[in-house]
Amino acid sequence: MPHGPIAAASRPPMAAVATRRTVTGNRLRDGVPVYFAGAGRWSPAVAEARHVAEAEAGALLAEALAGPPPHPVIAPYLIEAVLRDGRLVPLGLREEIRAFGPTVRPAES
């Protein structure tokens, strides 16, 4: 994903993009960030996340929290995201890093 002033200028203004909500948390067994995909399923791929309008966010979180213990995810919470070029992109640097990985890649030996 390109960064910087040129990339930012090519994006539509945030007001023109409908903000969506999705649920994320960390998988209990290994701490990997995961996204609620619906029907009790969690995925490490943000592209598989179920996303809804703000008005439906509470119901989505309740659905993500439902189910018998032990819950597979630690502390699920709602995040904001937008659809950019058909791709779900979390808003905010922290959530972008959780979804797409570190901003610095290790050097190859």
Foldseek 3Di string as FASTA:
>chain_A
DDDDDVVVVPFDPPVVWAKKKWKWFAFPPPRQIWTDQDPQDIGLAPQSTDIGHPVCRVVRVVRNPDDDPPRRGPPMDMFIWTQDPNGTATDDPVVNCSNPHDPDDDDDD
